[in-house]
Amino acid sequence: MFRLTLSRLPLLLLGCAVALALAAANAEADHGGGGGGGSNKPTKATGSITAVDTTASKVTIQTKAGPVTVVVTAATKIEVNEKEKAKLADVKAALNAANAAGNVLKGVAVYDSSTNQASKLNAEEDDD
């Protein structure tokens, strides 16, 4: 059997520290980073815009993986049908117009997955 001697203790402790560090890094990667350092990579949602809530400042995009709701802030750069510096109300108006015409409003949002705050939101009517 394995006999623990004082000369092997530092090596055992080093091995435990490395294992704990690897486990912590793996857990952080599995959960999207979650919190501390602000180093979360932006996430992109691409699909059809299905809802715009101007009161709550939220936009829902139906992606292939399911719905994603992002939060629009004053810092969010919004573009609607190639109009830069658009407002959330412009996104809602474009959604209403697309729905009335039987079209889809395509959306792409770049957002922080830990807060769902969008840094960019592009919306364009797809009339195909």
Protein backbone atom coordinates (compact mmCIF):
# COMPACT_ATOMS: atom_id res chain seq x y z
CA MET A 1 0.00 0.00 0.00
CA PHE A 2 0.91 3.64 -0.25
CA ARG A 3 2.76 5.03 2.75
CA LEU A 4 2.54 8.75 3.32
CA THR A 5 5.79 10.19 4.48
CA LEU A 6 6.65 13.79 5.20
CA SER A 7 8.83 13.94 2.11
CA ARG A 8 5.82 13.11 -0.09
CA LEU A 9 3.36 15.49 1.60
CA PRO A 10 4.28 18.61 -0.46
CA LEU A 11 3.81 16.63 -3.66
CA LEU A 12 0.42 15.37 -2.49
CA LEU A 13 -0.68 18.89 -1.54
CA LEU A 14 0.46 20.26 -4.91
CA GLY A 15 -1.52 17.56 -6.70
CA CYS A 16 -4.64 18.42 -4.69
CA ALA A 17 -4.24 22.13 -5.44
CA VAL A 18 -3.91 21.47 -9.18
CA ALA A 19 -6.96 19.20 -9.15
CA LEU A 20 -9.03 21.84 -7.35
CA ALA A 21 -7.92 24.56 -9.75
CA LEU A 22 -8.83 22.43 -12.75
CA ALA A 23 -12.21 21.54 -11.25
CA ALA A 24 -12.98 25.22 -10.58
CA ALA A 25 -12.01 26.23 -14.13
CA ASN A 26 -14.14 23.43 -15.56
CA ALA A 27 -17.15 24.42 -13.44
CA GLU A 28 -16.82 28.05 -14.56
CA ALA A 29 -16.68 27.00 -18.21
CA ASP A 30 -19.77 24.80 -17.81
CA HIS A 31 -21.80 27.65 -16.35
CA GLY A 32 -20.77 30.44 -18.72
CA GLY A 33 -18.46 32.19 -16.32
CA GLY A 34 -21.23 33.53 -14.16
CA GLY A 35 -19.82 36.34 -12.34
CA GLY A 36 -16.70 37.80 -11.05
CA GLY A 37 -14.20 39.23 -13.46
CA GLY A 38 -16.39 40.68 -16.20
CA SER A 39 -14.51 38.67 -18.79
CA ASN A 40 -17.55 36.91 -20.24
CA LYS A 41 -17.34 36.56 -23.98
CA PRO A 42 -20.29 38.06 -25.84
CA THR A 43 -22.98 35.66 -26.97
CA LYS A 44 -24.89 36.04 -30.22
CA ALA A 45 -28.58 35.23 -30.71
CA THR A 46 -29.82 35.03 -34.30
CA GLY A 47 -33.39 34.35 -35.36
CA SER A 48 -36.82 35.92 -35.60
CA ILE A 49 -37.87 38.70 -33.25
CA THR A 50 -41.12 37.54 -31.69
CA ALA A 51 -41.71 40.12 -28.96
CA VAL A 52 -40.67 43.64 -27.98
CA ASP A 53 -41.53 44.91 -24.49
CA THR A 54 -40.78 48.64 -24.44
CA THR A 55 -41.84 48.92 -20.79
CA ALA A 56 -39.38 46.28 -19.57
CA SER A 57 -36.84 47.09 -22.32
CA LYS A 58 -36.70 43.48 -23.50
CA VAL A 59 -36.60 41.81 -26.90
CA THR A 60 -37.25 38.12 -27.50
CA ILE A 61 -35.55 36.36 -30.40
CA GLN A 62 -36.65 32.88 -31.43
CA THR A 63 -33.43 31.02 -32.22
CA LYS A 64 -33.03 27.45 -33.45
CA ALA A 65 -32.18 26.48 -29.86
CA GLY A 66 -35.21 28.26 -28.38
CA PRO A 67 -36.24 31.74 -27.31
CA VAL A 68 -33.66 34.21 -26.02
CA THR A 69 -34.75 37.38 -24.24
CA VAL A 70 -32.23 40.20 -24.08
CA VAL A 71 -32.33 43.41 -22.07
CA VAL A 72 -31.89 46.65 -23.98
CA THR A 73 -30.09 49.44 -22.12
CA ALA A 74 -29.14 53.00 -22.98
CA ALA A 75 -25.77 51.65 -24.10
CA THR A 76 -27.27 49.16 -26.59
CA LYS A 77 -26.52 50.04 -30.21
CA ILE A 78 -29.72 49.43 -32.17
CA GLU A 79 -30.08 49.26 -35.94
CA VAL A 80 -33.48 48.71 -37.61
CA ASN A 81 -33.79 48.11 -41.36
CA GLU A 82 -30.36 49.69 -41.86
CA LYS A 83 -31.30 52.77 -39.81
CA GLU A 84 -28.51 53.34 -37.31
CA LYS A 85 -29.09 54.89 -33.90
CA ALA A 86 -32.60 53.47 -33.74
CA LYS A 87 -34.63 53.19 -30.54
CA LEU A 88 -36.44 50.25 -28.99
CA ALA A 89 -39.71 51.82 -30.17
CA ASP A 90 -38.39 51.53 -33.75
CA VAL A 91 -37.88 47.79 -33.22
CA LYS A 92 -41.45 47.45 -31.95
CA ALA A 93 -42.81 49.44 -34.91
CA ALA A 94 -40.81 47.28 -37.34
CA LEU A 95 -42.14 44.10 -35.68
CA ASN A 96 -45.71 45.37 -35.95
CA ALA A 97 -45.20 46.32 -39.61
CA ALA A 98 -43.61 42.97 -40.44
CA ASN A 99 -46.43 41.07 -38.73
CA ALA A 100 -49.07 43.15 -40.54
CA ALA A 101 -47.42 42.39 -43.89
CA GLY A 102 -47.09 38.69 -43.08
CA ASN A 103 -43.31 38.99 -42.92
CA VAL A 104 -40.71 38.09 -40.33
CA LEU A 105 -38.47 40.53 -38.48
CA LYS A 106 -35.05 38.92 -38.35
CA GLY A 107 -32.92 39.81 -35.34
CA VAL A 108 -29.34 39.50 -34.21
CA ALA A 109 -28.38 40.41 -30.66
CA VAL A 110 -24.91 40.43 -29.14
CA TYR A 111 -25.27 40.14 -25.38
CA ASP A 112 -23.62 39.23 -22.09
CA SER A 113 -24.90 35.78 -21.17
CA SER A 114 -24.57 36.43 -17.43
CA THR A 115 -26.84 39.51 -17.47
CA ASN A 116 -28.60 39.16 -20.86
CA GLN A 117 -27.81 42.83 -21.51
CA ALA A 118 -27.46 43.47 -25.22
CA SER A 119 -24.57 45.53 -26.52
CA LYS A 120 -25.91 45.39 -30.10
CA LEU A 121 -29.31 44.68 -31.61
CA ASN A 122 -29.97 44.52 -35.34
CA ALA A 123 -33.46 44.03 -36.78
CA GLU A 124 -34.34 43.68 -40.43
CA GLU A 125 -37.60 42.75 -42.11
CA ASP A 126 -37.42 39.57 -44.15
CA ASP A 127 -40.03 39.75 -46.90
CA ASP A 128 -39.05 36.54 -48.71
